[in-house]
N, C-alpha and C. Protein backbone atom coordinates (compact mmCIF):
# COMPACT_ATOMS: atom_id res chain seq x y z
N MET A 1 -25.87 -17.32 24.90
CA MET A 1 -25.19 -16.26 24.15
C MET A 1 -23.74 -16.13 24.60
N ILE A 2 -22.86 -16.05 23.65
CA ILE A 2 -21.42 -15.97 24.01
C ILE A 2 -20.99 -14.47 24.12
N LEU A 3 -20.61 -14.05 25.34
CA LEU A 3 -20.33 -12.64 25.51
C LEU A 3 -19.10 -12.45 26.39
N ALA A 4 -19.09 -11.37 27.15
CA ALA A 4 -18.06 -11.03 28.17
C ALA A 4 -16.67 -10.89 27.62
N ASP A 5 -15.62 -11.38 28.32
CA ASP A 5 -14.26 -11.16 27.97
C ASP A 5 -13.72 -12.17 26.97
N PHE A 6 -14.55 -13.06 26.59
CA PHE A 6 -14.05 -14.12 25.70
C PHE A 6 -14.13 -13.80 24.20
N LEU A 7 -14.84 -12.71 23.92
CA LEU A 7 -14.96 -12.30 22.52
C LEU A 7 -14.77 -10.76 22.45
N PRO A 8 -14.38 -10.23 21.29
CA PRO A 8 -14.17 -8.86 21.14
C PRO A 8 -15.54 -8.14 21.24
N GLN A 9 -15.44 -6.86 21.44
CA GLN A 9 -16.68 -5.96 21.66
C GLN A 9 -17.61 -6.12 20.51
N PHE A 10 -17.10 -6.26 19.31
CA PHE A 10 -17.93 -6.36 18.13
C PHE A 10 -18.95 -7.56 18.24
N TYR A 11 -18.38 -8.73 18.68
CA TYR A 11 -19.27 -9.88 18.77
C TYR A 11 -20.21 -9.75 19.97
N GLN A 12 -19.85 -9.01 21.02
CA GLN A 12 -20.78 -8.80 22.14
C GLN A 12 -22.01 -8.00 21.60
N GLY A 13 -21.73 -7.01 20.81
CA GLY A 13 -22.86 -6.18 20.22
C GLY A 13 -23.70 -7.01 19.35
N ARG A 14 -23.10 -7.92 18.59
CA ARG A 14 -23.83 -8.82 17.61
C ARG A 14 -24.69 -9.80 18.45
N ALA A 15 -24.09 -10.29 19.53
CA ALA A 15 -24.82 -11.27 20.32
C ALA A 15 -26.09 -10.63 21.00
N GLU A 16 -25.88 -9.37 21.47
CA GLU A 16 -26.99 -8.60 22.02
C GLU A 16 -28.09 -8.39 21.08
N LEU A 17 -27.74 -8.07 19.80
CA LEU A 17 -28.71 -7.89 18.78
C LEU A 17 -29.40 -9.22 18.46
N ALA A 18 -28.66 -10.29 18.46
CA ALA A 18 -29.27 -11.60 18.22
C ALA A 18 -30.30 -11.91 19.27
N ALA A 19 -29.94 -11.54 20.56
CA ALA A 19 -30.90 -11.85 21.69
C ALA A 19 -32.18 -10.98 21.53
N ILE A 20 -31.98 -9.73 21.08
CA ILE A 20 -33.19 -8.95 20.81
C ILE A 20 -34.06 -9.49 19.71
N GLY A 21 -33.35 -9.96 18.66
CA GLY A 21 -34.08 -10.59 17.55
C GLY A 21 -34.83 -11.79 17.97
N PHE A 22 -34.21 -12.60 18.88
CA PHE A 22 -34.89 -13.80 19.41
C PHE A 22 -36.16 -13.49 20.15
N ALA A 23 -36.01 -12.50 21.05
CA ALA A 23 -37.20 -12.03 21.82
C ALA A 23 -38.32 -11.44 20.95
N ALA A 24 -37.92 -10.67 19.97
CA ALA A 24 -38.91 -10.11 18.99
C ALA A 24 -39.59 -11.21 18.18
N GLY A 25 -38.88 -12.29 17.86
CA GLY A 25 -39.52 -13.37 17.16
C GLY A 25 -40.33 -14.30 18.07
N TRP A 26 -40.01 -14.36 19.35
CA TRP A 26 -40.69 -15.22 20.32
C TRP A 26 -42.11 -14.62 20.62
N ALA A 27 -42.24 -13.28 20.69
CA ALA A 27 -43.47 -12.62 21.10
C ALA A 27 -44.64 -13.06 20.19
N PRO A 28 -44.55 -12.88 18.89
CA PRO A 28 -45.72 -13.20 18.03
C PRO A 28 -45.97 -14.71 18.03
N GLU A 29 -44.99 -15.48 18.19
CA GLU A 29 -45.23 -17.03 18.18
C GLU A 29 -46.02 -17.38 19.38
N HIS A 30 -45.90 -16.69 20.49
CA HIS A 30 -46.67 -17.06 21.66
C HIS A 30 -47.75 -15.96 22.01
N ASN A 31 -47.89 -14.97 21.11
CA ASN A 31 -48.89 -13.96 21.27
C ASN A 31 -48.81 -13.29 22.66
N LYS A 32 -47.60 -12.83 22.95
CA LYS A 32 -47.28 -12.20 24.23
C LYS A 32 -46.76 -10.78 24.04
N LEU A 33 -47.13 -9.88 24.93
CA LEU A 33 -46.57 -8.55 25.00
C LEU A 33 -45.21 -8.65 25.60
N VAL A 34 -44.21 -8.04 24.96
CA VAL A 34 -42.84 -8.16 25.44
C VAL A 34 -42.18 -6.78 25.38
N ASN A 35 -41.60 -6.33 26.47
CA ASN A 35 -40.82 -5.16 26.57
C ASN A 35 -39.41 -5.58 26.76
N ILE A 36 -38.56 -5.37 25.72
CA ILE A 36 -37.17 -5.85 25.83
C ILE A 36 -36.33 -4.70 26.43
N HIS A 37 -35.60 -5.09 27.55
CA HIS A 37 -34.74 -4.10 28.16
C HIS A 37 -33.30 -4.44 27.76
N THR A 38 -32.55 -3.45 27.38
CA THR A 38 -31.20 -3.72 27.02
C THR A 38 -30.27 -2.56 27.45
N ASP A 39 -29.05 -2.86 27.89
CA ASP A 39 -28.10 -1.78 28.27
C ASP A 39 -27.16 -1.52 27.05
N SER A 40 -27.46 -2.08 25.91
CA SER A 40 -26.60 -1.92 24.76
C SER A 40 -27.08 -0.73 23.90
N GLN A 41 -26.38 0.40 24.05
CA GLN A 41 -26.65 1.54 23.21
C GLN A 41 -26.49 1.30 21.79
N SER A 42 -25.43 0.52 21.40
CA SER A 42 -25.17 0.20 20.02
C SER A 42 -26.35 -0.56 19.38
N SER A 43 -27.01 -1.44 20.16
CA SER A 43 -28.17 -2.22 19.61
C SER A 43 -29.30 -1.25 19.35
N ILE A 44 -29.56 -0.32 20.29
CA ILE A 44 -30.54 0.68 20.10
C ILE A 44 -30.30 1.55 18.84
N LYS A 45 -29.10 1.99 18.70
CA LYS A 45 -28.70 2.82 17.56
C LYS A 45 -28.84 2.04 16.24
N ALA A 46 -28.49 0.75 16.23
CA ALA A 46 -28.58 -0.09 15.08
C ALA A 46 -29.96 -0.23 14.60
N ASN A 47 -30.89 -0.37 15.58
CA ASN A 47 -32.30 -0.54 15.22
C ASN A 47 -32.94 0.78 14.85
N LYS A 48 -32.36 1.91 15.19
CA LYS A 48 -32.87 3.22 14.80
C LYS A 48 -32.30 3.65 13.48
N SER A 49 -31.23 3.06 13.05
CA SER A 49 -30.57 3.52 11.81
C SER A 49 -31.46 3.40 10.60
N ALA A 50 -31.48 4.42 9.77
CA ALA A 50 -32.41 4.44 8.68
C ALA A 50 -32.10 3.36 7.62
N GLU A 51 -30.88 3.30 7.17
CA GLU A 51 -30.52 2.34 6.14
C GLU A 51 -29.28 1.55 6.45
N PRO A 52 -29.32 0.64 7.37
CA PRO A 52 -28.15 -0.13 7.77
C PRO A 52 -27.72 -1.03 6.62
N LYS A 53 -26.38 -1.10 6.38
CA LYS A 53 -25.86 -1.98 5.33
C LYS A 53 -25.78 -3.42 5.70
N SER A 54 -25.83 -3.70 6.95
CA SER A 54 -25.70 -5.06 7.43
C SER A 54 -27.00 -5.86 7.26
N GLU A 55 -26.93 -6.99 6.57
CA GLU A 55 -28.19 -7.82 6.45
C GLU A 55 -28.61 -8.40 7.79
N PHE A 56 -27.62 -8.60 8.72
CA PHE A 56 -27.96 -9.06 10.05
C PHE A 56 -28.78 -8.04 10.78
N VAL A 57 -28.35 -6.84 10.81
CA VAL A 57 -29.11 -5.79 11.43
C VAL A 57 -30.49 -5.62 10.82
N ASN A 58 -30.56 -5.67 9.50
CA ASN A 58 -31.89 -5.53 8.78
C ASN A 58 -32.81 -6.66 9.20
N SER A 59 -32.30 -7.89 9.36
CA SER A 59 -33.18 -8.97 9.78
C SER A 59 -33.72 -8.76 11.15
N ILE A 60 -32.91 -8.21 12.09
CA ILE A 60 -33.36 -7.90 13.41
C ILE A 60 -34.48 -6.83 13.40
N LYS A 61 -34.24 -5.81 12.56
CA LYS A 61 -35.17 -4.69 12.46
C LYS A 61 -36.50 -5.22 11.82
N GLU A 62 -36.45 -6.10 10.92
CA GLU A 62 -37.67 -6.68 10.34
C GLU A 62 -38.47 -7.47 11.38
N LYS A 63 -37.80 -8.20 12.30
CA LYS A 63 -38.47 -8.96 13.28
C LYS A 63 -39.15 -8.02 14.26
N ILE A 64 -38.46 -6.92 14.58
CA ILE A 64 -39.06 -5.98 15.52
C ILE A 64 -40.26 -5.28 14.89
N TYR A 65 -40.08 -4.91 13.65
CA TYR A 65 -41.19 -4.24 12.89
C TYR A 65 -42.43 -5.13 12.74
N SER A 66 -42.21 -6.39 12.39
CA SER A 66 -43.27 -7.26 12.21
C SER A 66 -44.07 -7.57 13.48
N SER A 67 -43.42 -7.41 14.60
CA SER A 67 -44.03 -7.72 15.91
C SER A 67 -44.22 -6.44 16.73
N ARG A 68 -44.28 -5.30 15.99
CA ARG A 68 -44.32 -3.99 16.66
C ARG A 68 -45.54 -3.80 17.58
N LEU A 69 -46.60 -4.56 17.35
CA LEU A 69 -47.83 -4.41 18.17
C LEU A 69 -47.64 -5.17 19.54
N LEU A 70 -46.63 -6.00 19.54
CA LEU A 70 -46.40 -6.78 20.73
C LEU A 70 -45.05 -6.50 21.44
N VAL A 71 -44.15 -5.92 20.74
CA VAL A 71 -42.76 -5.77 21.23
C VAL A 71 -42.35 -4.28 21.32
N SER A 72 -41.72 -3.89 22.45
CA SER A 72 -41.11 -2.57 22.58
C SER A 72 -39.66 -2.77 23.03
N LEU A 73 -38.87 -1.76 22.80
CA LEU A 73 -37.46 -1.85 23.09
C LEU A 73 -37.08 -0.68 24.01
N THR A 74 -36.49 -0.98 25.18
CA THR A 74 -36.17 0.07 26.20
C THR A 74 -34.74 -0.03 26.60
N TRP A 75 -34.04 1.10 26.70
CA TRP A 75 -32.68 1.08 27.18
C TRP A 75 -32.64 1.30 28.62
N VAL A 76 -31.75 0.52 29.36
CA VAL A 76 -31.60 0.63 30.82
C VAL A 76 -30.09 0.85 30.99
N LYS A 77 -29.73 1.54 32.10
CA LYS A 77 -28.36 1.80 32.40
C LYS A 77 -27.73 0.53 32.94
N ALA A 78 -26.51 0.23 32.51
CA ALA A 78 -25.79 -0.93 32.96
C ALA A 78 -25.27 -0.78 34.31
N HIS A 79 -25.23 -1.91 35.07
CA HIS A 79 -24.58 -1.94 36.39
C HIS A 79 -25.20 -0.85 37.30
N ALA A 80 -26.52 -0.71 37.26
CA ALA A 80 -27.20 0.26 38.08
C ALA A 80 -28.16 -0.35 39.07
N GLY A 81 -27.97 -1.66 39.29
CA GLY A 81 -28.83 -2.33 40.31
C GLY A 81 -30.19 -2.85 39.66
N ASN A 82 -30.33 -2.83 38.38
CA ASN A 82 -31.54 -3.26 37.69
C ASN A 82 -31.50 -4.80 37.81
N THR A 83 -32.48 -5.34 38.51
CA THR A 83 -32.56 -6.84 38.78
C THR A 83 -32.53 -7.61 37.45
N GLY A 84 -33.38 -7.22 36.59
CA GLY A 84 -33.41 -8.06 35.32
C GLY A 84 -32.11 -7.93 34.50
N ASN A 85 -31.52 -6.74 34.46
CA ASN A 85 -30.29 -6.54 33.70
C ASN A 85 -29.11 -7.28 34.39
N GLU A 86 -29.08 -7.22 35.69
CA GLU A 86 -28.00 -7.98 36.38
C GLU A 86 -28.15 -9.50 36.16
N ARG A 87 -29.34 -9.94 36.14
CA ARG A 87 -29.59 -11.43 35.82
C ARG A 87 -29.16 -11.77 34.42
N ALA A 88 -29.51 -10.89 33.51
CA ALA A 88 -29.06 -11.10 32.13
C ALA A 88 -27.56 -11.17 31.94
N ASP A 89 -26.86 -10.23 32.66
CA ASP A 89 -25.37 -10.22 32.66
C ASP A 89 -24.85 -11.57 33.25
N SER A 90 -25.41 -12.03 34.36
CA SER A 90 -25.08 -13.32 34.91
C SER A 90 -25.22 -14.50 33.97
N GLN A 91 -26.40 -14.47 33.29
CA GLN A 91 -26.68 -15.54 32.34
C GLN A 91 -25.61 -15.45 31.16
N ALA A 92 -25.31 -14.33 30.71
CA ALA A 92 -24.38 -14.11 29.65
C ALA A 92 -23.01 -14.64 30.03
N ARG A 93 -22.53 -14.41 31.26
CA ARG A 93 -21.21 -14.95 31.71
C ARG A 93 -21.33 -16.43 31.80
N GLN A 94 -22.41 -17.00 32.27
CA GLN A 94 -22.56 -18.43 32.32
C GLN A 94 -22.52 -19.10 30.97
N ALA A 95 -23.12 -18.38 30.00
CA ALA A 95 -23.23 -18.94 28.61
C ALA A 95 -21.84 -19.02 27.97
N THR A 96 -20.85 -18.29 28.41
CA THR A 96 -19.53 -18.40 27.87
C THR A 96 -18.89 -19.78 28.04
N THR A 97 -19.40 -20.49 29.00
CA THR A 97 -18.85 -21.92 29.30
C THR A 97 -19.81 -22.98 28.96
N ILE A 98 -21.15 -22.70 29.12
CA ILE A 98 -22.08 -23.81 28.88
C ILE A 98 -23.11 -23.48 27.83
N GLY A 99 -23.02 -22.32 27.26
CA GLY A 99 -24.01 -21.81 26.27
C GLY A 99 -23.89 -22.55 24.95
N GLN A 100 -25.00 -22.47 24.19
CA GLN A 100 -24.97 -23.06 22.86
C GLN A 100 -24.26 -22.12 21.94
N TYR A 101 -23.43 -22.76 20.99
CA TYR A 101 -22.72 -21.90 20.03
C TYR A 101 -23.59 -21.14 19.08
N LEU A 102 -23.27 -19.87 18.92
CA LEU A 102 -24.08 -18.97 18.01
C LEU A 102 -23.15 -18.44 16.94
N ASP A 103 -23.46 -18.78 15.70
CA ASP A 103 -22.67 -18.30 14.62
C ASP A 103 -23.24 -16.91 14.12
N LEU A 104 -22.46 -15.83 14.32
CA LEU A 104 -22.93 -14.52 13.96
C LEU A 104 -22.14 -14.02 12.78
N PRO A 105 -22.85 -13.60 11.76
CA PRO A 105 -22.15 -13.03 10.51
C PRO A 105 -21.47 -11.79 10.75
N ALA A 106 -20.31 -11.68 10.18
CA ALA A 106 -19.50 -10.40 10.33
C ALA A 106 -19.66 -9.60 9.08
N PRO A 107 -19.86 -8.26 9.20
CA PRO A 107 -20.05 -7.41 8.02
C PRO A 107 -18.71 -7.21 7.30
N TYR A 108 -18.80 -6.70 6.08
CA TYR A 108 -17.59 -6.46 5.27
C TYR A 108 -16.65 -5.51 5.97
N SER A 109 -17.14 -4.49 6.63
CA SER A 109 -16.31 -3.54 7.26
C SER A 109 -15.47 -4.07 8.27
N TYR A 110 -16.05 -5.04 9.06
CA TYR A 110 -15.41 -5.66 10.20
C TYR A 110 -14.23 -6.58 9.64
N VAL A 111 -14.60 -7.36 8.63
CA VAL A 111 -13.63 -8.29 7.97
C VAL A 111 -12.51 -7.49 7.40
N LYS A 112 -12.74 -6.36 6.77
CA LYS A 112 -11.74 -5.46 6.15
C LYS A 112 -10.80 -4.98 7.29
N LEU A 113 -11.39 -4.58 8.42
CA LEU A 113 -10.59 -4.06 9.56
C LEU A 113 -9.67 -5.19 10.08
N ARG A 114 -10.19 -6.39 10.21
CA ARG A 114 -9.40 -7.50 10.71
C ARG A 114 -8.21 -7.89 9.80
N VAL A 115 -8.53 -7.80 8.49
CA VAL A 115 -7.52 -8.08 7.48
C VAL A 115 -6.41 -7.04 7.58
N LYS A 116 -6.71 -5.79 7.75
CA LYS A 116 -5.74 -4.74 7.92
C LYS A 116 -4.88 -4.97 9.13
N GLN A 117 -5.58 -5.33 10.27
CA GLN A 117 -4.82 -5.59 11.45
C GLN A 117 -3.88 -6.68 11.32
N PHE A 118 -4.29 -7.77 10.62
CA PHE A 118 -3.42 -8.95 10.43
C PHE A 118 -2.23 -8.58 9.53
N ILE A 119 -2.45 -7.81 8.53
CA ILE A 119 -1.38 -7.43 7.62
C ILE A 119 -0.35 -6.59 8.41
N ILE A 120 -0.81 -5.64 9.20
CA ILE A 120 0.05 -4.80 10.02
C ILE A 120 0.86 -5.63 11.01
N HIS A 121 0.19 -6.63 11.61
CA HIS A 121 0.81 -7.50 12.53
C HIS A 121 1.89 -8.38 11.93
N GLU A 122 1.66 -8.86 10.71
CA GLU A 122 2.65 -9.70 10.06
C GLU A 122 3.76 -8.81 9.59
N TRP A 123 3.49 -7.57 9.22
CA TRP A 123 4.52 -6.63 8.76
C TRP A 123 5.41 -6.30 9.92
N GLU A 124 4.86 -6.11 11.12
CA GLU A 124 5.60 -5.78 12.26
C GLU A 124 6.54 -6.94 12.67
N ASN A 125 6.05 -8.09 12.56
CA ASN A 125 6.86 -9.34 12.80
C ASN A 125 8.04 -9.40 11.90
N TYR A 126 7.79 -9.21 10.61
CA TYR A 126 8.90 -9.26 9.66
C TYR A 126 9.87 -8.16 9.92
N TRP A 127 9.35 -6.92 10.18
CA TRP A 127 10.17 -5.74 10.43
C TRP A 127 11.17 -5.97 11.54
N ASN A 128 10.60 -6.66 12.69
CA ASN A 128 11.42 -6.77 13.85
C ASN A 128 12.29 -7.96 13.85
N GLN A 129 11.98 -9.02 13.12
CA GLN A 129 12.72 -10.27 13.20
C GLN A 129 13.80 -10.44 12.06
N HIS A 130 13.66 -9.65 10.99
CA HIS A 130 14.64 -9.84 9.89
C HIS A 130 15.65 -8.72 9.84
N ASN A 131 16.89 -9.11 9.47
CA ASN A 131 17.92 -8.12 9.45
C ASN A 131 18.68 -8.22 8.07
N SER A 132 18.02 -8.28 7.00
CA SER A 132 18.67 -8.23 5.67
C SER A 132 19.23 -6.84 5.52
N SER A 133 20.21 -6.76 4.60
CA SER A 133 20.81 -5.44 4.39
C SER A 133 19.91 -4.38 3.97
N SER A 134 18.90 -4.78 3.09
CA SER A 134 17.96 -3.78 2.60
C SER A 134 16.96 -3.36 3.68
N LEU A 135 16.56 -4.21 4.59
CA LEU A 135 15.70 -3.88 5.66
C LEU A 135 16.39 -3.00 6.69
N ILE A 136 17.63 -3.33 6.97
CA ILE A 136 18.47 -2.49 7.87
C ILE A 136 18.45 -1.11 7.33
N ARG A 137 18.71 -1.03 6.06
CA ARG A 137 18.82 0.29 5.39
C ARG A 137 17.54 1.07 5.56
N VAL A 138 16.40 0.35 5.21
CA VAL A 138 15.06 1.06 5.32
C VAL A 138 14.79 1.55 6.77
N ARG A 139 15.26 0.80 7.73
CA ARG A 139 15.00 1.20 9.12
C ARG A 139 15.80 2.48 9.54
N THR A 140 16.87 2.81 8.81
CA THR A 140 17.57 4.01 9.11
C THR A 140 16.77 5.28 8.71
N TYR A 141 15.77 5.08 7.83
CA TYR A 141 14.93 6.17 7.40
C TYR A 141 13.48 6.09 8.01
N MET A 142 13.05 4.91 8.31
CA MET A 142 11.71 4.69 8.87
C MET A 142 11.86 3.77 10.11
N ASP A 143 11.59 4.38 11.28
CA ASP A 143 11.90 3.59 12.54
C ASP A 143 10.77 2.60 12.94
N LYS A 144 9.64 2.63 12.30
CA LYS A 144 8.57 1.76 12.74
C LYS A 144 7.64 1.41 11.55
N VAL A 145 6.82 0.46 11.82
CA VAL A 145 5.81 0.06 10.82
C VAL A 145 4.62 1.01 10.94
N ASP A 146 4.27 1.51 9.79
CA ASP A 146 3.10 2.45 9.75
C ASP A 146 2.54 2.44 8.35
N LYS A 147 1.24 2.24 8.23
CA LYS A 147 0.63 2.14 6.89
C LYS A 147 0.67 3.47 6.13
N LYS A 148 0.94 4.54 6.92
CA LYS A 148 1.06 5.90 6.26
C LYS A 148 2.37 5.93 5.42
N ILE A 149 3.32 5.09 5.67
CA ILE A 149 4.59 5.14 4.98
C ILE A 149 4.59 4.20 3.78
N LEU A 150 3.46 3.61 3.47
CA LEU A 150 3.42 2.81 2.22
C LEU A 150 3.80 3.62 1.03
N ILE A 151 4.68 3.17 0.20
CA ILE A 151 5.22 3.95 -0.90
C ILE A 151 4.92 3.39 -2.25
N VAL A 152 4.47 4.19 -3.21
CA VAL A 152 4.18 3.73 -4.52
C VAL A 152 5.16 4.30 -5.53
N ASN A 153 5.98 5.26 -5.07
CA ASN A 153 6.96 5.88 -6.02
C ASN A 153 8.15 4.97 -6.17
N GLU A 154 8.28 4.38 -7.40
CA GLU A 154 9.32 3.35 -7.62
C GLU A 154 10.73 3.83 -7.36
N TYR A 155 11.00 5.16 -7.68
CA TYR A 155 12.34 5.68 -7.53
C TYR A 155 12.68 5.81 -5.99
N LEU A 156 11.67 6.16 -5.20
CA LEU A 156 11.92 6.21 -3.73
C LEU A 156 12.11 4.84 -3.19
N ILE A 157 11.42 3.82 -3.74
CA ILE A 157 11.66 2.45 -3.32
C ILE A 157 13.07 1.98 -3.66
N TYR A 158 13.45 2.32 -4.87
CA TYR A 158 14.88 2.02 -5.28
C TYR A 158 15.93 2.60 -4.21
N PHE A 159 15.62 3.82 -3.82
CA PHE A 159 16.55 4.51 -2.89
C PHE A 159 16.54 3.85 -1.51
N LEU A 160 15.35 3.64 -1.00
CA LEU A 160 15.21 3.11 0.42
C LEU A 160 15.72 1.69 0.52
N SER A 161 15.50 0.91 -0.51
CA SER A 161 15.94 -0.49 -0.44
C SER A 161 17.36 -0.71 -0.90
N GLY A 162 17.87 0.24 -1.67
CA GLY A 162 19.17 0.13 -2.24
C GLY A 162 19.21 -0.83 -3.44
N HIS A 163 18.03 -1.29 -3.86
CA HIS A 163 17.93 -2.22 -5.00
C HIS A 163 17.35 -1.44 -6.18
N GLY A 164 18.19 -0.97 -7.06
CA GLY A 164 17.79 -0.20 -8.19
C GLY A 164 18.90 -0.06 -9.19
N PRO A 165 18.65 0.94 -10.11
CA PRO A 165 19.66 1.11 -11.17
C PRO A 165 20.98 1.80 -10.71
N PHE A 166 21.58 1.18 -9.69
CA PHE A 166 22.80 1.80 -9.16
C PHE A 166 24.00 0.86 -9.60
N PRO A 167 25.05 1.47 -10.14
CA PRO A 167 26.16 0.60 -10.67
C PRO A 167 26.72 -0.45 -9.64
N ALA A 168 26.72 -0.03 -8.33
CA ALA A 168 27.23 -1.01 -7.45
C ALA A 168 26.33 -2.21 -7.32
N TYR A 169 25.01 -1.97 -7.36
CA TYR A 169 24.04 -3.07 -7.22
C TYR A 169 24.03 -3.88 -8.51
N LEU A 170 23.98 -3.24 -9.67
CA LEU A 170 23.93 -3.94 -10.93
C LEU A 170 25.21 -4.74 -11.15
N HIS A 171 26.33 -4.22 -10.66
CA HIS A 171 27.60 -4.91 -10.83
C HIS A 171 27.71 -6.09 -10.00
N SER A 172 27.47 -5.93 -8.63
CA SER A 172 27.62 -7.09 -7.73
C SER A 172 26.55 -8.13 -7.75
N ARG A 173 25.33 -7.71 -8.01
CA ARG A 173 24.14 -8.60 -7.99
C ARG A 173 23.96 -9.32 -9.35
N PHE A 174 24.03 -8.62 -10.39
CA PHE A 174 23.66 -9.13 -11.73
C PHE A 174 24.83 -9.16 -12.73
N HIS A 175 25.96 -8.59 -12.38
CA HIS A 175 27.13 -8.55 -13.24
C HIS A 175 26.79 -7.94 -14.61
N LEU A 176 26.02 -6.87 -14.55
CA LEU A 176 25.57 -6.23 -15.81
C LEU A 176 26.58 -5.13 -16.18
N LEU A 177 27.38 -4.70 -15.24
CA LEU A 177 28.33 -3.61 -15.48
C LEU A 177 29.73 -4.11 -15.16
N ASN A 178 30.72 -3.56 -15.87
CA ASN A 178 32.12 -3.95 -15.60
C ASN A 178 32.65 -3.30 -14.33
N SER A 179 32.09 -2.20 -13.92
CA SER A 179 32.63 -1.48 -12.81
C SER A 179 31.45 -0.89 -11.93
N PRO A 180 31.63 -0.93 -10.63
CA PRO A 180 30.61 -0.25 -9.77
C PRO A 180 30.89 1.25 -9.49
N SER A 181 31.90 1.77 -10.16
CA SER A 181 32.30 3.14 -9.80
C SER A 181 31.72 4.21 -10.68
N CYS A 182 31.74 5.38 -10.05
CA CYS A 182 31.25 6.65 -10.68
C CYS A 182 32.55 7.20 -11.34
N SER A 183 32.29 8.19 -12.23
CA SER A 183 33.40 8.90 -12.90
C SER A 183 34.19 9.75 -11.88
N CYS A 184 33.58 9.94 -10.71
CA CYS A 184 34.37 10.69 -9.67
C CYS A 184 35.34 9.77 -8.93
N GLY A 185 35.21 8.44 -9.21
CA GLY A 185 36.11 7.51 -8.54
C GLY A 185 35.55 6.73 -7.43
N GLN A 186 34.37 7.08 -6.95
CA GLN A 186 33.75 6.38 -5.76
C GLN A 186 32.79 5.33 -6.32
N VAL A 187 32.46 4.35 -5.37
CA VAL A 187 31.46 3.32 -5.73
C VAL A 187 30.08 3.94 -5.62
N VAL A 188 29.27 3.68 -6.69
CA VAL A 188 27.92 4.22 -6.74
C VAL A 188 26.84 3.30 -6.13
N ASP A 189 26.51 3.57 -4.91
CA ASP A 189 25.34 2.84 -4.30
C ASP A 189 24.16 3.84 -4.33
N ALA A 190 23.10 3.48 -3.50
CA ALA A 190 21.88 4.32 -3.51
C ALA A 190 22.21 5.70 -2.86
N ASP A 191 23.21 5.85 -2.02
CA ASP A 191 23.48 7.11 -1.32
C ASP A 191 24.38 7.96 -2.06
N HIS A 192 25.14 7.44 -2.96
CA HIS A 192 26.29 8.19 -3.56
C HIS A 192 25.88 9.56 -4.15
N TYR A 193 24.93 9.58 -5.00
CA TYR A 193 24.64 10.85 -5.69
C TYR A 193 24.01 11.91 -4.74
N LEU A 194 23.27 11.41 -3.72
CA LEU A 194 22.57 12.30 -2.85
C LEU A 194 23.50 12.84 -1.71
N PHE A 195 24.54 12.12 -1.37
CA PHE A 195 25.31 12.44 -0.20
C PHE A 195 26.84 12.61 -0.45
N ASP A 196 27.32 11.87 -1.38
CA ASP A 196 28.81 11.86 -1.41
C ASP A 196 29.48 12.30 -2.75
N CYS A 197 28.80 12.12 -3.87
CA CYS A 197 29.46 12.38 -5.10
C CYS A 197 29.92 13.84 -5.25
N THR A 198 31.08 14.06 -5.58
CA THR A 198 31.59 15.45 -5.72
C THR A 198 31.05 16.19 -6.96
N LEU A 199 30.54 15.41 -7.90
CA LEU A 199 29.97 15.95 -9.06
C LEU A 199 28.51 16.43 -8.92
N THR A 200 27.85 16.01 -7.78
CA THR A 200 26.43 16.37 -7.53
C THR A 200 26.32 17.14 -6.23
N LYS A 201 27.46 17.75 -5.75
CA LYS A 201 27.52 18.25 -4.41
C LYS A 201 26.45 19.35 -4.13
N GLU A 202 26.11 20.11 -5.19
CA GLU A 202 25.09 21.18 -5.00
C GLU A 202 23.69 20.66 -4.74
N PHE A 203 23.52 19.33 -5.06
CA PHE A 203 22.18 18.77 -4.84
C PHE A 203 22.11 17.86 -3.58
N HIS A 204 23.24 17.82 -2.84
CA HIS A 204 23.25 16.87 -1.72
C HIS A 204 22.20 17.15 -0.66
N LEU A 205 21.76 16.10 -0.05
CA LEU A 205 20.87 16.15 1.13
C LEU A 205 21.67 15.78 2.37
N LYS A 206 21.11 16.10 3.57
CA LYS A 206 21.77 15.67 4.79
C LYS A 206 21.32 14.21 5.18
N LYS A 207 22.30 13.48 5.58
CA LYS A 207 21.96 12.09 5.98
C LYS A 207 21.20 12.17 7.31
N PRO A 208 20.30 11.10 7.52
CA PRO A 208 19.46 11.10 8.77
C PRO A 208 20.33 11.29 10.08
N ALA A 209 21.47 10.68 10.17
CA ALA A 209 22.28 10.85 11.34
C ALA A 209 22.74 12.32 11.58
N GLU A 210 22.98 13.02 10.48
CA GLU A 210 23.44 14.40 10.51
C GLU A 210 22.28 15.33 10.87
N GLN A 211 21.14 14.99 10.44
CA GLN A 211 19.92 15.73 10.84
C GLN A 211 19.61 15.71 12.29
N ASN A 212 19.91 14.56 12.91
CA ASN A 212 19.63 14.32 14.35
C ASN A 212 20.79 14.88 15.21
């Protein structure tokens, strides 16, 4: 069984469940009474759960139920001097180097979690390594990567990125306007109407630097 520090805690729990399933399947094949001792509370809870969504957990529960006249499951405290448990830990550590590979299925929830972690990681890398003008601008308002700041409002995206229906952007990037200027005489970028334009002064907001 592949356990210990070489795999995340999720796979340790799956490996322990697989071991319990193996023992539960071994008992009826050899017509032996077996009391399975485990220090894995997560394995105990998984087997007690009423309606687990995981097919893997359900398969273990079915093995235990089908061999219920021969198999019992008991929790023991970890690292408490229990001879059998200490030996099992030793065997688990040994199996990380010489054990047989065991392919354990991952549930949808775990895959979803890892995908989210990967996306955040890639986002952080891009955030820290790139210095485009639009990203530098966004970082003046948002100092770190956080999924809570994901934005769906298109107008706020225009403002934060500076890429939107602003005369300065449309003039310099796409040459759609003859002038980048406002009727007040200043260049109209994303900040102009909110912070600088004399014609919209009553609606002005404070710039981040001024707030701090």
